[in-house]
Amino acid sequence: MSDLDPRSHPVGPILTAPDLDIPGAIQQALGAASLCWDAVPTGEFDSIRAKAIGEELIHFITDRLNEVVDRSLDSSGLLRMIVGD
């Protein structure tokens, strides 16, 4: 396994819930990544701001995927066949 393989990390994989959806996986991964410090910072964790950052990332990814799908459909002519000229 490579160093990038989550199964080789001492903490182990974090995205193991069988019913985990993509937005939930993004939020969990961001939460786990926020603790990747040699010395974990102290203080109060702003979970509302952290959730907003995750939601912004989810919207960004969704928008970009929709753009790719739209271009793909349009370039293949499928979009014109579905919605007409």
C-alpha atoms as a PDB file:
ATOM      1  CA  MET A   1       0.000   0.000   0.000  1.00  0.00           C
ATOM      2  CA  SER A   2       1.183   3.543  -0.730  1.00  0.00           C
ATOM      3  CA  ASP A   3       1.514   6.295   1.845  1.00  0.00           C
ATOM      4  CA  LEU A   4      -1.575   7.875   0.283  1.00  0.00           C
ATOM      5  CA  ASP A   5      -3.687   4.781   0.844  1.00  0.00           C
ATOM      6  CA  PRO A   6      -5.923   5.573   3.851  1.00  0.00           C
ATOM      7  CA  ARG A   7      -5.749   1.951   4.966  1.00  0.00           C
ATOM      8  CA  SER A   8      -2.014   2.373   5.599  1.00  0.00           C
ATOM      9  CA  HIS A   9      -2.484   5.367   7.910  1.00  0.00           C
ATOM     10  CA  PRO A  10      -2.224   4.624  11.638  1.00  0.00           C
ATOM     11  CA  VAL A  11      -5.646   6.149  12.285  1.00  0.00           C
ATOM     12  CA  GLY A  12      -7.225   4.017   9.577  1.00  0.00           C
ATOM     13  CA  PRO A  13      -9.949   4.928   7.117  1.00  0.00           C
ATOM     14  CA  ILE A  14     -12.540   7.437   8.295  1.00  0.00           C
ATOM     15  CA  LEU A  15     -15.145   6.979   5.565  1.00  0.00           C
ATOM     16  CA  THR A  16     -16.465   3.571   6.478  1.00  0.00           C
ATOM     17  CA  ALA A  17     -20.183   4.078   7.152  1.00  0.00           C
ATOM     18  CA  PRO A  18     -22.131   2.017   4.596  1.00  0.00           C
ATOM     19  CA  ASP A  19     -24.824   4.693   4.181  1.00  0.00           C
ATOM     20  CA  LEU A  20     -22.396   7.634   3.890  1.00  0.00           C
ATOM     21  CA  ASP A  21     -23.272   9.943   1.005  1.00  0.00           C
ATOM     22  CA  ILE A  22     -20.800  12.171  -0.844  1.00  0.00           C
ATOM     23  CA  PRO A  23     -21.625  15.395   1.065  1.00  0.00           C
ATOM     24  CA  GLY A  24     -21.306  13.510   4.358  1.00  0.00           C
ATOM     25  CA  ALA A  25     -17.978  12.050   3.253  1.00  0.00           C
ATOM     26  CA  ILE A  26     -16.686  15.511   2.389  1.00  0.00           C
ATOM     27  CA  GLN A  27     -17.759  16.882   5.776  1.00  0.00           C
ATOM     28  CA  GLN A  28     -16.184  13.943   7.646  1.00  0.00           C
ATOM     29  CA  ALA A  29     -12.949  14.188   5.694  1.00  0.00           C
ATOM     30  CA  LEU A  30     -12.694  17.936   6.356  1.00  0.00           C
ATOM     31  CA  GLY A  31     -13.310  17.353  10.045  1.00  0.00           C
ATOM     32  CA  ALA A  32     -10.614  14.702  10.199  1.00  0.00           C
ATOM     33  CA  ALA A  33      -8.183  16.839   8.190  1.00  0.00           C
ATOM     34  CA  SER A  34      -8.690  19.741  10.579  1.00  0.00           C
ATOM     35  CA  LEU A  35      -6.979  17.639  13.259  1.00  0.00           C
ATOM     36  CA  CYS A  36      -3.873  16.750  11.227  1.00  0.00           C
ATOM     37  CA  TRP A  37      -1.408  18.640  13.379  1.00  0.00           C
ATOM     38  CA  ASP A  38       1.622  17.377  15.289  1.00  0.00           C
ATOM     39  CA  ALA A  39       0.232  19.231  18.287  1.00  0.00           C
ATOM     40  CA  VAL A  40      -3.547  19.555  18.019  1.00  0.00           C
ATOM     41  CA  PRO A  41      -4.515  23.207  18.527  1.00  0.00           C
ATOM     42  CA  THR A  42      -6.419  24.106  21.656  1.00  0.00           C
ATOM     43  CA  GLY A  43      -9.382  26.414  21.936  1.00  0.00           C
ATOM     44  CA  GLU A  44     -12.970  26.288  20.813  1.00  0.00           C
ATOM     45  CA  PHE A  45     -13.757  24.545  17.524  1.00  0.00           C
ATOM     46  CA  ASP A  46     -16.214  26.570  15.429  1.00  0.00           C
ATOM     47  CA  SER A  47     -18.356  23.737  14.083  1.00  0.00           C
ATOM     48  CA  ILE A  48     -20.780  26.140  12.388  1.00  0.00           C
ATOM     49  CA  ARG A  49     -17.986  27.710  10.341  1.00  0.00           C
ATOM     50  CA  ALA A  50     -16.478  24.294   9.613  1.00  0.00           C
ATOM     51  CA  LYS A  51     -19.838  23.044   8.342  1.00  0.00           C
ATOM     52  CA  ALA A  52     -20.221  26.158   6.164  1.00  0.00           C
ATOM     53  CA  ILE A  53     -16.779  25.542   4.627  1.00  0.00           C
ATOM     54  CA  GLY A  54     -17.781  21.973   3.822  1.00  0.00           C
ATOM     55  CA  GLU A  55     -21.073  23.102   2.314  1.00  0.00           C
ATOM     56  CA  GLU A  56     -19.259  25.669   0.178  1.00  0.00           C
ATOM     57  CA  LEU A  57     -16.908  22.935  -1.074  1.00  0.00           C
ATOM     58  CA  ILE A  58     -19.861  20.643  -1.822  1.00  0.00           C
ATOM     59  CA  HIS A  59     -21.595  23.397  -3.834  1.00  0.00           C
ATOM     60  CA  PHE A  60     -18.357  24.155  -5.701  1.00  0.00           C
ATOM     61  CA  ILE A  61     -17.883  20.498  -6.652  1.00  0.00           C
ATOM     62  CA  THR A  62     -21.548  20.108  -7.610  1.00  0.00           C
ATOM     63  CA  ASP A  63     -21.458  23.210  -9.823  1.00  0.00           C
ATOM     64  CA  ARG A  64     -18.290  22.042 -11.590  1.00  0.00           C
ATOM     65  CA  LEU A  65     -19.661  18.531 -12.125  1.00  0.00           C
ATOM     66  CA  ASN A  66     -22.879  19.978 -13.535  1.00  0.00           C
ATOM     67  CA  GLU A  67     -20.846  22.134 -15.934  1.00  0.00           C
ATOM     68  CA  VAL A  68     -18.884  19.091 -17.113  1.00  0.00           C
ATOM     69  CA  VAL A  69     -22.049  17.048 -17.581  1.00  0.00           C
ATOM     70  CA  ASP A  70     -23.773  19.911 -19.417  1.00  0.00           C
ATOM     71  CA  ARG A  71     -20.784  20.351 -21.767  1.00  0.00           C
ATOM     72  CA  SER A  72     -20.601  16.615 -22.316  1.00  0.00           C
ATOM     73  CA  LEU A  73     -24.293  16.358 -23.128  1.00  0.00           C
ATOM     74  CA  ASP A  74     -24.155  19.416 -25.369  1.00  0.00           C
ATOM     75  CA  SER A  75     -21.061  18.283 -27.256  1.00  0.00           C
ATOM     76  CA  SER A  76     -22.536  14.860 -27.893  1.00  0.00           C
ATOM     77  CA  GLY A  77     -25.795  16.307 -29.146  1.00  0.00           C
ATOM     78  CA  LEU A  78     -27.788  14.505 -26.443  1.00  0.00           C
ATOM     79  CA  LEU A  79     -28.859  17.752 -24.806  1.00  0.00           C
ATOM     80  CA  ARG A  80     -30.231  19.043 -28.120  1.00  0.00           C
ATOM     81  CA  MET A  81     -32.074  15.756 -28.602  1.00  0.00           C
ATOM     82  CA  ILE A  82     -33.591  15.965 -25.103  1.00  0.00           C
ATOM     83  CA  VAL A  83     -34.565  19.655 -24.971  1.00  0.00           C
ATOM     84  CA  GLY A  84     -34.678  20.476 -28.672  1.00  0.00           C
ATOM     85  CA  ASP A  85     -33.031  23.304 -30.584  1.00  0.00           C
END
